[in-house]
């Protein structure tokens, strides 16, 4: 014997709830269901004893009838018929061309009909566009509500994270010279987001994570090497917000100008020496941090090999000077020509 239960009608005011995800649930006997749009409800939140309507985001792509399946905590896994197979033509049409379908029972009545005492968590509605007969499914519209207590629901997931976006800027603008102090600033939207921002250079973290303050976090450094840098800012969000990473910003650092040096030469003994006696040539290079070598020369001809500078000085001793007048020079050649100039 086939039994068919006629659900009583219930008036409901209209409002809008945006489905928080697409969940395709097929009514028993339907085939090849495809989600074609979302459902909205007549209020953003409500009580379990309040009736409400659901609206489709567009017109049904086919069929003459519709039915609505309700699934969720406590209800049978296969769901229950929230709206039986009824003609689409009896429902109002919304501004998007979709159908406004008053639910004939409140959530508490659906629960009572199915032996459910506690309403909790997510409940999904699946509106199936169908024919008056047969099992062909012309398309489904889906939407959800969440019970935050046994008697109250809302149309947004209370556990969902608010999406964020992160952007990064630099001051001063690129390019700069090596050694320049540069500040990278991350701006996070929405501004009430919480969490920390990790700045990275070419994929490697620079500095420690910086705590967000009113939607911004800043990091300052003067140690960027010469070259091109790819700077990003990644938000690790606090509770209720989603993580986000900025688009990379290219930043160019030019080499610093080479530092000039001076080289002074002292000869001992001064002015005059006996043949075959030891003469000491001592060069002093400033700044003392400059590394390199000094080539000593006599009347323009090199004397021995270049001498390494240590602590800003280089010394050469010789006892082979010929009798006569000599003109000595000391020429400093830096090891790093991008950092220091010769003298």
C-alpha atoms as a PDB file:
ATOM      1  CA  UNK A   1       0.000   0.000   0.000  1.00  0.00           C
ATOM      2  CA  UNK A   2       1.409   3.426  -0.981  1.00  0.00           C
ATOM      3  CA  UNK A   3       1.033   6.203   1.558  1.00  0.00           C
ATOM      4  CA  UNK A   4       1.348   9.867   0.715  1.00  0.00           C
ATOM      5  CA  UNK A   5       1.395  12.543   3.427  1.00  0.00           C
ATOM      6  CA  UNK A   6      -0.011  15.959   2.524  1.00  0.00           C
ATOM      7  CA  UNK A   7       1.903  18.717   4.365  1.00  0.00           C
ATOM      8  CA  UNK A   8      -0.155  21.589   5.741  1.00  0.00           C
ATOM      9  CA  UNK A   9       0.545  25.071   4.367  1.00  0.00           C
ATOM     10  CA  UNK A  10       2.136  27.787   6.473  1.00  0.00           C
ATOM     11  CA  UNK A  11       2.430  31.452   5.592  1.00  0.00           C
ATOM     12  CA  UNK A  12       5.971  32.855   5.720  1.00  0.00           C
ATOM     13  CA  UNK A  13       7.493  36.273   5.177  1.00  0.00           C
ATOM     14  CA  UNK A  14      10.321  36.651   2.706  1.00  0.00           C
ATOM     15  CA  UNK A  15      13.977  37.345   3.487  1.00  0.00           C
ATOM     16  CA  UNK A  16      17.306  36.274   2.162  1.00  0.00           C
ATOM     17  CA  UNK A  17      19.906  33.735   3.312  1.00  0.00           C
ATOM     18  CA  UNK A  18      22.845  32.939   1.070  1.00  0.00           C
ATOM     19  CA  UNK A  19      23.815  29.299   0.973  1.00  0.00           C
ATOM     20  CA  UNK A  20      27.274  28.831   2.414  1.00  0.00           C
ATOM     21  CA  UNK A  21      28.298  26.065   0.046  1.00  0.00           C
ATOM     22  CA  UNK A  22      26.959  23.811  -2.622  1.00  0.00           C
ATOM     23  CA  UNK A  23      25.810  20.459  -1.295  1.00  0.00           C
ATOM     24  CA  UNK A  24      24.041  18.209  -3.760  1.00  0.00           C
ATOM     25  CA  UNK A  25      21.533  15.891  -2.062  1.00  0.00           C
ATOM     26  CA  UNK A  26      19.290  13.793  -4.258  1.00  0.00           C
ATOM     27  CA  UNK A  27      15.718  13.032  -3.354  1.00  0.00           C
ATOM     28  CA  UNK A  28      14.908   9.350  -3.388  1.00  0.00           C
ATOM     29  CA  UNK A  29      14.530   8.102  -6.944  1.00  0.00           C
ATOM     30  CA  UNK A  30      16.093  11.128  -8.660  1.00  0.00           C
ATOM     31  CA  UNK A  31      18.931  10.703 -11.115  1.00  0.00           C
ATOM     32  CA  UNK A  32      21.793  12.776 -12.522  1.00  0.00           C
ATOM     33  CA  UNK A  33      21.245  15.719 -10.156  1.00  0.00           C
ATOM     34  CA  UNK A  34      23.361  18.804 -10.841  1.00  0.00           C
ATOM     35  CA  UNK A  35      23.610  21.890  -8.664  1.00  0.00           C
ATOM     36  CA  UNK A  36      22.586  24.859 -10.816  1.00  0.00           C
ATOM     37  CA  UNK A  37      22.257  27.587  -8.199  1.00  0.00           C
ATOM     38  CA  UNK A  38      21.879  28.568  -4.578  1.00  0.00           C
ATOM     39  CA  UNK A  39      19.002  28.939  -2.158  1.00  0.00           C
ATOM     40  CA  UNK A  40      18.293  31.942   0.016  1.00  0.00           C
ATOM     41  CA  UNK A  41      16.006  32.142   3.029  1.00  0.00           C
ATOM     42  CA  UNK A  42      13.680  34.864   4.157  1.00  0.00           C
ATOM     43  CA  UNK A  43      15.689  35.951   7.204  1.00  0.00           C
ATOM     44  CA  UNK A  44      19.338  35.993   8.106  1.00  0.00           C
ATOM     45  CA  UNK A  45      18.499  34.293  11.389  1.00  0.00           C
ATOM     46  CA  UNK A  46      15.485  32.936  13.160  1.00  0.00           C
ATOM     47  CA  UNK A  47      13.977  30.699  15.801  1.00  0.00           C
ATOM     48  CA  UNK A  48      13.066  27.051  15.470  1.00  0.00           C
ATOM     49  CA  UNK A  49       9.367  27.960  15.832  1.00  0.00           C
ATOM     50  CA  UNK A  50       9.349  30.594  13.066  1.00  0.00           C
ATOM     51  CA  UNK A  51       8.271  29.763   9.529  1.00  0.00           C
ATOM     52  CA  UNK A  52      10.403  31.042   6.646  1.00  0.00           C
ATOM     53  CA  UNK A  53      10.717  30.809   2.894  1.00  0.00           C
ATOM     54  CA  UNK A  54      13.487  29.690   0.601  1.00  0.00           C
ATOM     55  CA  UNK A  55      14.163  31.261  -2.794  1.00  0.00           C
ATOM     56  CA  UNK A  56      16.128  29.972  -5.766  1.00  0.00           C
ATOM     57  CA  UNK A  57      18.834  32.135  -7.341  1.00  0.00           C
ATOM     58  CA  UNK A  58      17.351  31.614 -10.815  1.00  0.00           C
ATOM     59  CA  UNK A  59      14.463  29.925 -12.576  1.00  0.00           C
ATOM     60  CA  UNK A  60      14.381  26.141 -12.744  1.00  0.00           C
ATOM     61  CA  UNK A  61      16.177  25.023 -15.922  1.00  0.00           C
ATOM     62  CA  UNK A  62      13.437  22.516 -16.638  1.00  0.00           C
ATOM     63  CA  UNK A  63      10.529  20.517 -15.302  1.00  0.00           C
ATOM     64  CA  UNK A  64       7.132  21.669 -14.143  1.00  0.00           C
ATOM     65  CA  UNK A  65       7.349  20.731 -10.480  1.00  0.00           C
ATOM     66  CA  UNK A  66       9.696  20.929  -7.525  1.00  0.00           C
ATOM     67  CA  UNK A  67      10.381  19.243  -4.210  1.00  0.00           C
ATOM     68  CA  UNK A  68      12.618  20.165  -1.265  1.00  0.00           C
ATOM     69  CA  UNK A  69      14.747  17.742   0.708  1.00  0.00           C
ATOM     70  CA  UNK A  70      15.964  18.589   4.235  1.00  0.00           C
ATOM     71  CA  UNK A  71      19.023  16.893   5.758  1.00  0.00           C
ATOM     72  CA  UNK A  72      21.034  17.521   8.894  1.00  0.00           C
ATOM     73  CA  UNK A  73      21.822  16.499  12.449  1.00  0.00           C
ATOM     74  CA  UNK A  74      19.272  14.056  13.821  1.00  0.00           C
ATOM     75  CA  UNK A  75      17.313  13.596  10.606  1.00  0.00           C
ATOM     76  CA  UNK A  76      17.463  10.351   8.592  1.00  0.00           C
ATOM     77  CA  UNK A  77      20.559  10.117   6.415  1.00  0.00           C
ATOM     78  CA  UNK A  78      18.401  10.082   3.286  1.00  0.00           C
ATOM     79  CA  UNK A  79      16.720  13.319   4.391  1.00  0.00           C
ATOM     80  CA  UNK A  80      13.059  14.216   4.764  1.00  0.00           C
ATOM     81  CA  UNK A  81      10.665  15.919   2.362  1.00  0.00           C
ATOM     82  CA  UNK A  82      10.383  19.519   3.504  1.00  0.00           C
ATOM     83  CA  UNK A  83       8.182  20.280   0.487  1.00  0.00           C
ATOM     84  CA  UNK A  84       6.435  17.537  -1.453  1.00  0.00           C
ATOM     85  CA  UNK A  85       6.249  17.311  -5.245  1.00  0.00           C
ATOM     86  CA  UNK A  86       4.325  20.456  -6.195  1.00  0.00           C
ATOM     87  CA  UNK A  87       3.835  22.555  -9.318  1.00  0.00           C
ATOM     88  CA  UNK A  88       6.310  25.392  -9.822  1.00  0.00           C
ATOM     89  CA  UNK A  89       3.503  27.580 -11.101  1.00  0.00           C
ATOM     90  CA  UNK A  90       1.924  28.042  -7.661  1.00  0.00           C
ATOM     91  CA  UNK A  91       4.935  29.927  -6.281  1.00  0.00           C
ATOM     92  CA  UNK A  92       5.849  33.581  -6.513  1.00  0.00           C
ATOM     93  CA  UNK A  93       8.780  34.644  -8.678  1.00  0.00           C
ATOM     94  CA  UNK A  94      11.586  36.790  -7.225  1.00  0.00           C
ATOM     95  CA  UNK A  95      13.548  39.566  -8.950  1.00  0.00           C
ATOM     96  CA  UNK A  96      16.154  37.061 -10.208  1.00  0.00           C
ATOM     97  CA  UNK A  97      13.469  34.974 -11.864  1.00  0.00           C
ATOM     98  CA  UNK A  98      13.716  32.326  -9.163  1.00  0.00           C
ATOM     99  CA  UNK A  99      10.968  30.733  -7.129  1.00  0.00           C
ATOM    100  CA  UNK A 100       9.934  31.797  -3.615  1.00  0.00           C
ATOM    101  CA  UNK A 101       8.894  28.643  -1.731  1.00  0.00           C
ATOM    102  CA  UNK A 102       7.339  29.017   1.752  1.00  0.00           C
ATOM    103  CA  UNK A 103       8.264  26.044   3.925  1.00  0.00           C
ATOM    104  CA  UNK A 104       5.015  24.464   5.183  1.00  0.00           C
ATOM    105  CA  UNK A 105       6.475  23.673   8.610  1.00  0.00           C
ATOM    106  CA  UNK A 106       8.863  25.293  11.059  1.00  0.00           C
ATOM    107  CA  UNK A 107      12.171  23.635  11.842  1.00  0.00           C
ATOM    108  CA  UNK A 108      10.773  22.562  15.216  1.00  0.00           C
ATOM    109  CA  UNK A 109       7.814  20.882  13.484  1.00  0.00           C
ATOM    110  CA  UNK A 110      10.118  19.066  11.039  1.00  0.00           C
ATOM    111  CA  UNK A 111      12.170  17.919  14.030  1.00  0.00           C
ATOM    112  CA  UNK A 112       9.096  16.740  15.960  1.00  0.00           C
ATOM    113  CA  UNK A 113       7.739  14.886  12.922  1.00  0.00           C
ATOM    114  CA  UNK A 114      10.984  12.910  12.758  1.00  0.00           C
ATOM    115  CA  UNK A 115      11.654  12.306  16.450  1.00  0.00           C
ATOM    116  CA  UNK A 116      14.435  14.898  16.682  1.00  0.00           C
ATOM    117  CA  UNK A 117      14.587  16.638  20.061  1.00  0.00           C
ATOM    118  CA  UNK A 118      17.702  18.752  19.609  1.00  0.00           C
ATOM    119  CA  UNK A 119      18.526  20.936  16.617  1.00  0.00           C
ATOM    120  CA  UNK A 120      22.266  21.492  16.293  1.00  0.00           C
ATOM    121  CA  UNK A 121      24.782  22.382  13.610  1.00  0.00           C
ATOM    122  CA  UNK A 122      24.206  22.523   9.870  1.00  0.00           C
ATOM    123  CA  UNK A 123      20.965  21.766   8.009  1.00  0.00           C
ATOM    124  CA  UNK A 124      20.883  21.616   4.218  1.00  0.00           C
ATOM    125  CA  UNK A 125      17.987  22.316   1.859  1.00  0.00           C
ATOM    126  CA  UNK A 126      18.011  20.836  -1.645  1.00  0.00           C
ATOM    127  CA  UNK A 127      15.329  22.081  -4.041  1.00  0.00           C
ATOM    128  CA  UNK A 128      14.966  19.730  -6.994  1.00  0.00           C
ATOM    129  CA  UNK A 129      13.448  20.881 -10.269  1.00  0.00           C
ATOM    130  CA  UNK A 130      11.481  17.928 -11.599  1.00  0.00           C
ATOM    131  CA  UNK A 131       8.490  16.806 -13.545  1.00  0.00           C
ATOM    132  CA  UNK A 132       5.099  15.935 -12.129  1.00  0.00           C
ATOM    133  CA  UNK A 133       5.937  12.277 -12.757  1.00  0.00           C
ATOM    134  CA  UNK A 134       9.137  10.281 -13.168  1.00  0.00           C
ATOM    135  CA  UNK A 135      12.521  10.670 -11.540  1.00  0.00           C
ATOM    136  CA  UNK A 136      14.298  13.084 -13.905  1.00  0.00           C
ATOM    137  CA  UNK A 137      16.134  15.839 -12.042  1.00  0.00           C
ATOM    138  CA  UNK A 138      16.476  19.016 -14.126  1.00  0.00           C
ATOM    139  CA  UNK A 139      18.739  20.760 -11.609  1.00  0.00           C
ATOM    140  CA  UNK A 140      19.162  21.461  -7.903  1.00  0.00           C
ATOM    141  CA  UNK A 141      19.419  24.625  -5.810  1.00  0.00           C
ATOM    142  CA  UNK A 142      21.149  24.219  -2.453  1.00  0.00           C
ATOM    143  CA  UNK A 143      21.502  26.236   0.739  1.00  0.00           C
ATOM    144  CA  UNK A 144      22.180  25.826   4.446  1.00  0.00           C
ATOM    145  CA  UNK A 145      21.361  27.177   7.889  1.00  0.00           C
ATOM    146  CA  UNK A 146      23.207  26.612  11.163  1.00  0.00           C
ATOM    147  CA  UNK A 147      21.632  26.141  14.590  1.00  0.00           C
ATOM    148  CA  UNK A 148      23.774  27.876  17.201  1.00  0.00           C
ATOM    149  CA  UNK A 149      21.477  26.587  19.963  1.00  0.00           C
ATOM    150  CA  UNK A 150      18.512  24.231  20.125  1.00  0.00           C
ATOM    151  CA  UNK A 151      16.139  27.093  19.304  1.00  0.00           C
ATOM    152  CA  UNK A 152      18.061  29.614  17.154  1.00  0.00           C
ATOM    153  CA  UNK A 153      19.647  29.459  13.704  1.00  0.00           C
ATOM    154  CA  UNK A 154      21.604  31.750  11.372  1.00  0.00           C
ATOM    155  CA  UNK A 155      22.412  31.754   7.677  1.00  0.00           C
ATOM    156  CA  UNK A 156      26.208  31.867   8.037  1.00  0.00           C
ATOM    157  CA  UNK A 157      28.558  29.203   9.320  1.00  0.00           C
ATOM    158  CA  UNK A 158      29.576  30.272  12.855  1.00  0.00           C
ATOM    159  CA  UNK A 159      32.831  28.363  12.426  1.00  0.00           C
ATOM    160  CA  UNK A 160      33.727  29.874   9.059  1.00  0.00           C
ATOM    161  CA  UNK A 161      36.733  32.166   8.842  1.00  0.00           C
ATOM    162  CA  UNK A 162      36.406  35.660   7.435  1.00  0.00           C
ATOM    163  CA  UNK A 163      38.580  35.866   4.296  1.00  0.00           C
ATOM    164  CA  UNK A 164      41.474  38.322   4.373  1.00  0.00           C
ATOM    165  CA  UNK A 165      43.700  40.017   1.816  1.00  0.00           C
ATOM    166  CA  UNK A 166      47.266  41.144   2.416  1.00  0.00           C
ATOM    167  CA  UNK A 167      49.246  43.686   0.390  1.00  0.00           C
ATOM    168  CA  UNK A 168      52.831  44.869   0.888  1.00  0.00           C
ATOM    169  CA  UNK A 169      54.444  48.222   0.093  1.00  0.00           C
ATOM    170  CA  UNK A 170      58.003  49.535   0.479  1.00  0.00           C
ATOM    171  CA  UNK A 171      59.459  52.902   1.468  1.00  0.00           C
ATOM    172  CA  UNK A 172      61.544  54.426   0.065  1.00  0.00           C
ATOM    173  CA  UNK A 173      60.624  53.319  -3.427  1.00  0.00           C
ATOM    174  CA  UNK A 174      62.971  51.056  -5.380  1.00  0.00           C
ATOM    175  CA  UNK A 175      65.778  51.319  -6.381  1.00  0.00           C
ATOM    176  CA  UNK A 176      67.947  52.177  -3.374  1.00  0.00           C
ATOM    177  CA  UNK A 177      71.624  51.885  -2.554  1.00  0.00           C
ATOM    178  CA  UNK A 178      72.892  49.017  -0.409  1.00  0.00           C
ATOM    179  CA  UNK A 179      72.860  50.013   3.252  1.00  0.00           C
ATOM    180  CA  UNK A 180      69.719  52.165   2.910  1.00  0.00           C
ATOM    181  CA  UNK A 181      67.089  51.665   5.623  1.00  0.00           C
ATOM    182  CA  UNK A 182      63.964  50.221   3.976  1.00  0.00           C
ATOM    183  CA  UNK A 183      60.560  49.701   5.617  1.00  0.00           C
ATOM    184  CA  UNK A 184      58.143  47.083   4.282  1.00  0.00           C
ATOM    185  CA  UNK A 185      54.529  47.546   5.396  1.00  0.00           C
ATOM    186  CA  UNK A 186      51.817  44.891   5.184  1.00  0.00           C
ATOM    187  CA  UNK A 187      48.197  46.075   5.034  1.00  0.00           C
ATOM    188  CA  UNK A 188      45.522  43.512   5.893  1.00  0.00           C
ATOM    189  CA  UNK A 189      41.804  43.748   5.145  1.00  0.00           C
ATOM    190  CA  UNK A 190      39.514  43.667   6.995  1.00  0.00           C
ATOM    191  CA  UNK A 191      41.309  45.982   9.405  1.00  0.00           C
ATOM    192  CA  UNK A 192      39.946  44.161  12.461  1.00  0.00           C
ATOM    193  CA  UNK A 193      41.778  40.967  11.518  1.00  0.00           C
ATOM    194  CA  UNK A 194      44.253  39.653  14.071  1.00  0.00           C
ATOM    195  CA  UNK A 195      47.419  37.619  13.745  1.00  0.00           C
ATOM    196  CA  UNK A 196      51.061  38.001  12.717  1.00  0.00           C
ATOM    197  CA  UNK A 197      52.796  38.814   9.434  1.00  0.00           C
ATOM    198  CA  UNK A 198      55.978  37.118   8.227  1.00  0.00           C
ATOM    199  CA  UNK A 199      57.948  39.079   5.652  1.00  0.00           C
ATOM    200  CA  UNK A 200      60.041  37.080   3.195  1.00  0.00           C
ATOM    201  CA  UNK A 201      62.757  37.910   0.674  1.00  0.00           C
ATOM    202  CA  UNK A 202      62.999  35.574  -2.313  1.00  0.00           C
ATOM    203  CA  UNK A 203      61.074  32.991  -0.270  1.00  0.00           C
ATOM    204  CA  UNK A 204      63.275  33.173   2.847  1.00  0.00           C
ATOM    205  CA  UNK A 205      61.937  34.729   6.044  1.00  0.00           C
ATOM    206  CA  UNK A 206      63.469  38.072   7.016  1.00  0.00           C
ATOM    207  CA  UNK A 207      63.089  38.973  10.655  1.00  0.00           C
ATOM    208  CA  UNK A 208      60.602  37.573  13.146  1.00  0.00           C
ATOM    209  CA  UNK A 209      56.810  37.589  12.602  1.00  0.00           C
ATOM    210  CA  UNK A 210      55.284  41.024  13.269  1.00  0.00           C
ATOM    211  CA  UNK A 211      52.002  41.373  15.178  1.00  0.00           C
ATOM    212  CA  UNK A 212      49.162  43.108  13.336  1.00  0.00           C
ATOM    213  CA  UNK A 213      48.107  46.459  14.751  1.00  0.00           C
ATOM    214  CA  UNK A 214      44.969  48.071  13.303  1.00  0.00           C
ATOM    215  CA  UNK A 215      45.397  46.157  10.075  1.00  0.00           C
ATOM    216  CA  UNK A 216      49.098  46.893   9.491  1.00  0.00           C
ATOM    217  CA  UNK A 217      52.480  45.390  10.305  1.00  0.00           C
ATOM    218  CA  UNK A 218      55.888  46.845   9.398  1.00  0.00           C
ATOM    219  CA  UNK A 219      59.456  45.554   9.162  1.00  0.00           C
ATOM    220  CA  UNK A 220      62.555  47.734   8.710  1.00  0.00           C
ATOM    221  CA  UNK A 221      65.976  46.578   7.515  1.00  0.00           C
ATOM    222  CA  UNK A 222      69.170  48.129   6.157  1.00  0.00           C
ATOM    223  CA  UNK A 223      70.874  44.813   5.358  1.00  0.00           C
ATOM    224  CA  UNK A 224      69.443  44.036   1.940  1.00  0.00           C
ATOM    225  CA  UNK A 225      72.209  42.898  -0.367  1.00  0.00           C
ATOM    226  CA  UNK A 226      72.713  44.460  -3.772  1.00  0.00           C
ATOM    227  CA  UNK A 227      70.457  42.806  -6.352  1.00  0.00           C
ATOM    228  CA  UNK A 228      66.783  42.206  -7.060  1.00  0.00           C
ATOM    229  CA  UNK A 229      64.550  41.101  -4.193  1.00  0.00           C
ATOM    230  CA  UNK A 230      61.073  39.547  -4.250  1.00  0.00           C
ATOM    231  CA  UNK A 231      59.274  40.644  -1.087  1.00  0.00           C
ATOM    232  CA  UNK A 232      56.088  38.994   0.235  1.00  0.00           C
ATOM    233  CA  UNK A 233      54.048  39.314   3.420  1.00  0.00           C
ATOM    234  CA  UNK A 234      52.145  36.281   4.754  1.00  0.00           C
ATOM    235  CA  UNK A 235      49.406  36.645   7.363  1.00  0.00           C
ATOM    236  CA  UNK A 236      48.942  33.890   9.922  1.00  0.00           C
ATOM    237  CA  UNK A 237      45.499  34.922  11.113  1.00  0.00           C
ATOM    238  CA  UNK A 238      43.951  34.751  14.535  1.00  0.00           C
ATOM    239  CA  UNK A 239      40.664  33.042  15.385  1.00  0.00           C
ATOM    240  CA  UNK A 240      37.843  33.826  12.977  1.00  0.00           C
ATOM    241  CA  UNK A 241      39.990  35.022  10.089  1.00  0.00           C
ATOM    242  CA  UNK A 242      41.609  33.288   7.134  1.00  0.00           C
ATOM    243  CA  UNK A 243      45.300  33.331   6.248  1.00  0.00           C
ATOM    244  CA  UNK A 244      46.488  35.279   3.206  1.00  0.00           C
ATOM    245  CA  UNK A 245      49.718  36.058   1.372  1.00  0.00           C
ATOM    246  CA  UNK A 246      50.481  39.187  -0.609  1.00  0.00           C
ATOM    247  CA  UNK A 247      51.500  39.359  -4.223  1.00  0.00           C
ATOM    248  CA  UNK A 248      55.288  39.592  -4.452  1.00  0.00           C
ATOM    249  CA  UNK A 249      56.790  43.070  -4.785  1.00  0.00           C
ATOM    250  CA  UNK A 250      60.049  43.384  -6.743  1.00  0.00           C
ATOM    251  CA  UNK A 251      62.610  45.594  -5.015  1.00  0.00           C
ATOM    252  CA  UNK A 252      66.026  46.567  -6.426  1.00  0.00           C
ATOM    253  CA  UNK A 253      69.091  47.394  -4.346  1.00  0.00           C
ATOM    254  CA  UNK A 254      72.062  48.906  -6.163  1.00  0.00           C
ATOM    255  CA  UNK A 255      75.629  48.436  -4.932  1.00  0.00           C
ATOM    256  CA  UNK A 256      76.897  51.188  -2.649  1.00  0.00           C
ATOM    257  CA  UNK A 257      79.523  53.543  -4.084  1.00  0.00           C
ATOM    258  CA  UNK A 258      83.061  52.347  -3.420  1.00  0.00           C
ATOM    259  CA  UNK A 259      84.749  54.051  -0.456  1.00  0.00           C
ATOM    260  CA  UNK A 260      87.832  56.145  -1.318  1.00  0.00           C
ATOM    261  CA  UNK A 261      91.130  55.225   0.348  1.00  0.00           C
ATOM    262  CA  UNK A 262      94.386  57.018   1.053  1.00  0.00           C
ATOM    263  CA  UNK A 263      97.849  55.491   1.153  1.00  0.00           C
ATOM    264  CA  UNK A 264     100.757  57.082   2.988  1.00  0.00           C
ATOM    265  CA  UNK A 265     104.398  55.919   2.762  1.00  0.00           C
ATOM    266  CA  UNK A 266     107.136  56.179   5.374  1.00  0.00           C
ATOM    267  CA  UNK A 267     110.821  55.256   4.785  1.00  0.00           C
ATOM    268  CA  UNK A 268     113.237  54.313   7.546  1.00  0.00           C
ATOM    269  CA  UNK A 269     115.928  55.453   7.872  1.00  0.00           C
ATOM    270  CA  UNK A 270     114.839  58.735   6.374  1.00  0.00           C
ATOM    271  CA  UNK A 271     116.678  60.493   3.543  1.00  0.00           C
ATOM    272  CA  UNK A 272     120.017  58.625   3.610  1.00  0.00           C
ATOM    273  CA  UNK A 273     121.222  55.073   4.138  1.00  0.00           C
ATOM    274  CA  UNK A 274     124.513  53.224   3.671  1.00  0.00           C
ATOM    275  CA  UNK A 275     124.792  50.750   0.795  1.00  0.00           C
ATOM    276  CA  UNK A 276     123.666  47.218   1.804  1.00  0.00           C
ATOM    277  CA  UNK A 277     121.937  48.519   4.934  1.00  0.00           C
ATOM    278  CA  UNK A 278     118.274  47.617   5.536  1.00  0.00           C
ATOM    279  CA  UNK A 279     115.713  50.143   4.416  1.00  0.00           C
ATOM    280  CA  UNK A 280     112.129  49.713   5.622  1.00  0.00           C
ATOM    281  CA  UNK A 281     109.205  50.900   3.476  1.00  0.00           C
ATOM    282  CA  UNK A 282     105.950  51.114   5.439  1.00  0.00           C
ATOM    283  CA  UNK A 283     102.561  51.918   3.812  1.00  0.00           C
ATOM    284  CA  UNK A 284      99.529  52.999   5.852  1.00  0.00           C
ATOM    285  CA  UNK A 285      96.131  52.520   4.189  1.00  0.00           C
ATOM    286  CA  UNK A 286      93.009  54.323   5.408  1.00  0.00           C
ATOM    287  CA  UNK A 287      90.345  53.248   6.237  1.00  0.00           C
ATOM    288  CA  UNK A 288      92.071  50.428   8.069  1.00  0.00           C
ATOM    289  CA  UNK A 289      89.202  48.027   7.242  1.00  0.00           C
ATOM    290  CA  UNK A 290      90.122  48.059   3.568  1.00  0.00           C
ATOM    291  CA  UNK A 291      91.636  44.738   2.542  1.00  0.00           C
ATOM    292  CA  UNK A 292      94.050  44.335  -0.355  1.00  0.00           C
ATOM    293  CA  UNK A 293      97.729  44.562  -1.245  1.00  0.00           C
ATOM    294  CA  UNK A 294     100.391  47.258  -1.594  1.00  0.00           C
ATOM    295  CA  UNK A 295     102.919  47.281  -4.424  1.00  0.00           C
ATOM    296  CA  UNK A 296     106.081  49.174  -3.534  1.00  0.00           C
ATOM    297  CA  UNK A 297     108.043  50.774  -6.377  1.00  0.00           C
ATOM    298  CA  UNK A 298     111.453  52.422  -6.757  1.00  0.00           C
ATOM    299  CA  UNK A 299     111.786  55.015  -9.503  1.00  0.00           C
ATOM    300  CA  UNK A 300     108.606  53.492 -11.078  1.00  0.00           C
ATOM    301  CA  UNK A 301     109.855  49.878 -11.021  1.00  0.00           C
ATOM    302  CA  UNK A 302     108.224  47.348  -8.726  1.00  0.00           C
ATOM    303  CA  UNK A 303     110.213  46.176  -5.724  1.00  0.00           C
ATOM    304  CA  UNK A 304     109.330  42.595  -4.920  1.00  0.00           C
ATOM    305  CA  UNK A 305     105.827  41.123  -4.865  1.00  0.00           C
ATOM    306  CA  UNK A 306     102.702  42.925  -3.608  1.00  0.00           C
ATOM    307  CA  UNK A 307     102.454  42.905   0.202  1.00  0.00           C
ATOM    308  CA  UNK A 308      99.145  42.103   1.910  1.00  0.00           C
ATOM    309  CA  UNK A 309      97.628  44.843   4.052  1.00  0.00           C
ATOM    310  CA  UNK A 310      97.080  43.851   7.680  1.00  0.00           C
ATOM    311  CA  UNK A 311      95.394  46.228  10.108  1.00  0.00           C
ATOM    312  CA  UNK A 312      95.835  49.060   7.627  1.00  0.00           C
ATOM    313  CA  UNK A 313      99.598  48.638   7.088  1.00  0.00           C
ATOM    314  CA  UNK A 314     101.968  46.846   4.749  1.00  0.00           C
ATOM    315  CA  UNK A 315     105.767  46.753   5.136  1.00  0.00           C
ATOM    316  CA  UNK A 316     108.672  45.833   2.845  1.00  0.00           C
ATOM    317  CA  UNK A 317     112.318  45.586   3.989  1.00  0.00           C
ATOM    318  CA  UNK A 318     115.144  45.673   1.479  1.00  0.00           C
ATOM    319  CA  UNK A 319     118.973  45.825   1.634  1.00  0.00           C
ATOM    320  CA  UNK A 320     119.678  45.669  -2.106  1.00  0.00           C
ATOM    321  CA  UNK A 321     119.192  49.283  -3.056  1.00  0.00           C
ATOM    322  CA  UNK A 322     121.821  50.612  -5.443  1.00  0.00           C
ATOM    323  CA  UNK A 323     123.922  53.653  -4.689  1.00  0.00           C
ATOM    324  CA  UNK A 324     122.129  56.798  -5.781  1.00  0.00           C
ATOM    325  CA  UNK A 325     118.848  58.662  -5.406  1.00  0.00           C
ATOM    326  CA  UNK A 326     115.610  56.702  -5.112  1.00  0.00           C
ATOM    327  CA  UNK A 327     111.949  57.755  -5.471  1.00  0.00           C
ATOM    328  CA  UNK A 328     109.611  55.376  -3.631  1.00  0.00           C
ATOM    329  CA  UNK A 329     105.830  54.925  -4.035  1.00  0.00           C
ATOM    330  CA  UNK A 330     103.254  52.569  -2.496  1.00  0.00           C
ATOM    331  CA  UNK A 331     100.106  51.674  -4.504  1.00  0.00           C
ATOM    332  CA  UNK A 332      97.122  50.084  -2.745  1.00  0.00           C
ATOM    333  CA  UNK A 333      94.919  47.666  -4.727  1.00  0.00           C
ATOM    334  CA  UNK A 334      91.686  46.696  -2.880  1.00  0.00           C
ATOM    335  CA  UNK A 335      90.490  43.096  -2.764  1.00  0.00           C
ATOM    336  CA  UNK A 336      86.849  44.236  -3.209  1.00  0.00           C
ATOM    337  CA  UNK A 337      86.792  46.929  -5.851  1.00  0.00           C
ATOM    338  CA  UNK A 338      83.038  47.496  -5.370  1.00  0.00           C
ATOM    339  CA  UNK A 339      83.645  48.395  -1.731  1.00  0.00           C
ATOM    340  CA  UNK A 340      86.895  50.357  -1.874  1.00  0.00           C
ATOM    341  CA  UNK A 341      88.866  52.422  -4.346  1.00  0.00           C
ATOM    342  CA  UNK A 342      92.586  52.042  -4.872  1.00  0.00           C
ATOM    343  CA  UNK A 343      95.119  54.719  -3.871  1.00  0.00           C
END
